[in-house]
Protein backbone atom coordinates (compact mmCIF):
# COMPACT_ATOMS: atom_id res chain seq x y z
CA MET A 1 34.53 12.72 -29.13
CA ALA A 2 31.39 12.65 -26.99
CA GLY A 3 31.52 10.75 -23.72
CA ARG A 4 29.44 7.62 -23.32
CA PRO A 5 26.19 8.16 -21.42
CA ARG A 6 26.74 7.22 -17.79
CA GLU A 7 25.61 3.78 -16.75
CA PHE A 8 22.61 3.67 -14.50
CA ASP A 9 21.50 1.12 -11.98
CA ARG A 10 18.06 -0.08 -13.07
CA ASN A 11 17.11 -1.15 -9.54
CA GLN A 12 18.15 2.20 -8.13
CA ALA A 13 16.18 4.01 -10.89
CA LEU A 14 13.11 1.89 -10.07
CA ARG A 15 13.48 2.76 -6.37
CA GLN A 16 13.71 6.48 -7.19
CA ALA A 17 10.61 6.21 -9.40
CA LEU A 18 8.78 4.41 -6.57
CA GLU A 19 9.50 7.26 -4.16
CA LEU A 20 8.33 9.85 -6.68
CA PHE A 21 5.10 8.02 -7.57
CA TRP A 22 4.41 7.38 -3.88
CA ALA A 23 4.79 11.08 -3.10
CA GLN A 24 2.99 12.52 -6.16
CA GLY A 25 0.72 9.79 -7.52
CA PHE A 26 0.66 8.35 -11.02
CA GLU A 27 -1.10 11.00 -13.07
CA THR A 28 0.56 14.06 -11.58
CA THR A 29 4.06 12.63 -12.04
CA SER A 30 5.28 13.81 -15.44
CA MET A 31 8.01 12.36 -17.59
CA ALA A 32 10.00 15.53 -16.82
CA ASP A 33 9.65 14.76 -13.09
CA LEU A 34 10.95 11.23 -13.69
CA VAL A 35 13.88 12.50 -15.78
CA ALA A 36 14.82 14.93 -12.98
CA ALA A 37 14.47 12.32 -10.20
CA LEU A 38 16.24 9.47 -12.02
CA GLY A 39 18.90 11.69 -13.61
CA ILE A 40 18.61 9.96 -17.00
CA ALA A 41 17.05 10.98 -20.31
CA SER A 42 13.48 10.02 -21.11
CA ALA A 43 14.67 7.86 -24.01
CA ARG A 44 16.69 5.75 -21.56
CA ILE A 45 13.74 5.49 -19.17
CA TYR A 46 11.55 4.24 -22.05
CA ALA A 47 14.28 1.83 -23.15
CA ALA A 48 14.66 0.42 -19.63
CA PHE A 49 11.00 0.28 -18.57
CA GLY A 50 8.85 0.58 -21.70
CA SER A 51 6.47 3.36 -20.66
CA LYS A 52 5.54 5.53 -17.71
CA GLU A 53 2.68 3.14 -16.89
CA ALA A 54 4.93 0.06 -17.10
CA LEU A 55 7.43 1.80 -14.80
CA PHE A 56 4.63 2.65 -12.38
CA ARG A 57 3.29 -0.92 -12.32
CA GLU A 58 6.80 -2.23 -11.66
CA ALA A 59 7.23 0.35 -8.89
CA ILE A 60 3.97 -0.81 -7.26
CA GLU A 61 5.15 -4.40 -7.41
CA LEU A 62 8.42 -3.39 -5.79
CA TYR A 63 6.49 -1.48 -3.06
CA GLU A 64 4.31 -4.52 -2.39
CA SER A 65 7.37 -6.79 -2.09
CA GLN A 66 9.11 -4.37 0.29
CA GLU A 67 7.43 -1.70 2.46
CA GLY A 68 3.91 -2.64 1.39
CA GLY A 69 4.48 -6.31 2.19
CA PHE A 70 3.87 -5.71 5.91
CA ALA A 71 0.21 -6.77 5.75
CA ASP A 72 0.94 -10.23 4.29
CA LEU A 73 3.52 -10.87 6.99
CA ALA A 74 1.21 -9.63 9.75
CA LEU A 75 -1.66 -11.85 8.56
CA GLU A 76 0.57 -14.91 9.02
CA GLU A 77 0.54 -14.38 12.80
CA PRO A 78 -0.99 -17.48 14.44
CA CYS A 79 -3.29 -15.39 16.70
CA VAL A 80 -5.93 -13.55 14.64
CA TYR A 81 -6.13 -10.64 17.10
CA ARG A 82 -2.36 -10.19 16.94
CA ALA A 83 -2.48 -10.48 13.11
CA ILE A 84 -5.00 -7.64 12.70
CA GLU A 85 -3.37 -5.54 15.43
CA ARG A 86 0.08 -5.90 13.84
CA MET A 87 -1.26 -5.13 10.36
CA LEU A 88 -2.91 -1.91 11.51
CA LEU A 89 -0.09 -0.70 13.77
CA GLU A 90 2.56 -1.41 11.13
CA ALA A 91 0.39 0.52 8.65
CA VAL A 92 0.42 3.54 10.98
CA ALA A 93 4.20 3.28 11.39
CA LEU A 94 4.80 3.07 7.62
CA TYR A 95 2.25 5.70 6.61
CA THR A 96 3.55 8.36 9.04
CA ARG A 97 7.33 8.04 8.64
CA PRO A 98 8.95 11.50 8.95
CA GLY A 99 10.54 12.78 5.78
CA GLN A 100 8.99 10.00 3.67
CA PRO A 101 5.91 9.86 1.41
CA GLN A 102 2.83 9.59 3.64
CA GLY A 103 0.08 6.99 3.37
CA CYS A 104 -0.08 3.84 1.27
CA MET A 105 1.26 3.97 -2.28
CA VAL A 106 -1.51 1.65 -3.56
CA VAL A 107 -4.26 3.70 -1.91
CA SER A 108 -3.04 7.18 -2.80
CA SER A 109 -1.36 6.77 -6.21
CA ALA A 110 -4.46 6.86 -8.39
CA VAL A 111 -7.52 7.78 -6.35
CA ASN A 112 -8.42 10.34 -9.01
CA CYS A 113 -7.45 9.56 -12.57
CA SER A 114 -8.70 10.86 -15.90
CA SER A 115 -10.42 8.36 -18.16
CA ASP A 116 -7.11 8.09 -20.08
CA ASN A 117 -5.63 6.36 -17.03
CA ASP A 118 -8.64 4.27 -16.07
CA GLY A 119 -6.62 1.07 -16.55
CA VAL A 120 -4.20 2.14 -13.82
CA ARG A 121 -7.04 3.13 -11.48
CA GLN A 122 -8.78 -0.22 -12.01
CA TRP A 123 -5.53 -2.14 -11.54
CA LEU A 124 -4.91 -0.44 -8.19
CA ALA A 125 -8.52 -1.05 -7.13
CA GLU A 126 -7.94 -4.76 -7.83
CA HIS A 127 -4.90 -4.65 -5.54
CA ARG A 128 -7.02 -3.11 -2.79
CA ARG A 129 -9.78 -5.70 -3.32
CA ALA A 130 -7.14 -8.45 -3.06
CA ARG A 131 -6.00 -7.02 0.29
CA THR A 132 -9.60 -7.01 1.53
CA ALA A 133 -9.99 -10.65 0.43
CA SER A 134 -6.82 -11.65 2.27
CA ILE A 135 -8.12 -10.08 5.50
CA ILE A 136 -11.49 -11.81 5.12
CA GLN A 137 -9.75 -15.12 4.50
CA ARG A 138 -7.61 -14.75 7.64
CA LEU A 139 -10.68 -13.97 9.75
CA GLU A 140 -12.64 -16.89 8.26
CA VAL A 141 -9.76 -19.25 9.12
CA ALA A 142 -9.89 -17.95 12.69
CA ARG A 143 -13.69 -18.42 12.82
CA GLN A 144 -13.42 -21.98 11.48
CA ALA A 145 -10.69 -22.75 14.01
CA GLY A 146 -12.92 -21.60 16.86
CA GLU A 147 -10.79 -18.58 17.66
CA LEU A 148 -13.74 -16.30 16.93
CA LEU A 149 -17.39 -16.87 17.80
CA ARG A 150 -19.15 -19.09 15.25
CA GLU A 151 -21.69 -16.38 14.47
CA SER A 152 -18.91 -13.92 13.52
CA ASP A 153 -19.34 -12.56 9.97
CA ALA A 154 -15.84 -12.81 8.55
CA THR A 155 -16.81 -10.96 5.35
CA ALA A 156 -18.32 -7.93 7.15
CA LEU A 157 -15.42 -7.92 9.60
CA GLY A 158 -12.83 -8.16 6.82
CA ASP A 159 -14.52 -5.34 4.89
CA TYR A 160 -14.44 -3.25 8.08
CA TYR A 161 -10.73 -3.81 8.74
CA ALA A 162 -9.90 -3.12 5.09
CA MET A 163 -11.76 0.19 5.42
CA VAL A 164 -9.79 0.96 8.60
CA LEU A 165 -6.49 0.05 6.87
CA HIS A 166 -7.22 2.17 3.79
CA GLY A 167 -8.65 4.99 5.92
CA LEU A 168 -5.40 5.13 7.91
CA SER A 169 -3.61 5.89 4.63
CA VAL A 170 -5.94 8.76 3.77
CA GLN A 171 -5.70 10.21 7.30
CA ALA A 172 -1.89 9.90 7.31
CA ARG A 173 -1.77 11.66 3.94
CA ASP A 174 -3.80 14.49 5.51
CA GLY A 175 -1.18 14.85 8.26
CA VAL A 176 -3.04 13.14 11.11
CA SER A 177 -0.46 12.14 13.74
CA ALA A 178 0.70 8.59 14.40
CA ALA A 179 -0.57 8.87 17.99
CA CYS A 180 -4.07 9.79 16.82
CA LEU A 181 -4.10 6.93 14.28
CA GLN A 182 -2.88 4.48 16.96
CA ASN A 183 -5.83 5.54 19.15
CA ALA A 184 -8.18 4.82 16.24
CA VAL A 185 -6.59 1.37 15.80
CA ALA A 186 -7.13 0.64 19.50
CA LEU A 187 -10.83 1.46 19.11
CA ALA A 188 -11.12 -0.66 15.95
CA LEU A 189 -9.57 -3.65 17.70
CA GLN A 190 -12.28 -3.59 20.36
CA VAL A 191 -14.66 -4.93 17.70
CA LEU A 192 -12.46 -8.01 17.20
CA ALA A 193 -11.85 -8.41 20.94
CA GLY A 194 -15.60 -8.68 21.42
CA LEU A 195 -15.83 -11.59 18.98
CA ARG A 196 -13.09 -13.76 20.46
CA GLN A 197 -14.12 -17.05 22.00
CA PRO A 198 -14.09 -16.80 25.81
């Protein structure tokens, strides 16, 4: 009599998939990789999650609610300078953790995708655009409140800090040290410091 297949913890499997996608990206992670990492048959992965893409999308949502949620929390800081500083420094800390996948999962998971996976690439681009919009909104609130000079361009400034944030991910992925990235953040913050109301 064959033994019953071992039970698996769906949340734990999702977490393992997240780590694998974060390290390898969407397209280069095969079903065989997922089977090996999760320790369950592909049929059970499909039964639990629907498809590789559905599993990936769920993993991104988990990332954004956990590690990747740092930016939303930082942007709630009452002082706009502290909000942007905290967002960028926490990005450096997350993206350069020893022994963990480097960079941002949303930035690095599908930078290059074949046309077959264009939907995934577009979906991740929307996530990045939403992050840019949230930074612009925070800066505009600060400008309206008189925390920044009236002539400050919140859109240009927000685009700039989104580029810094996403650039930190690429640099971390390339092995640039946390200390070097922190120095870059300090330089980037001088732009905002120059726009604060005296």
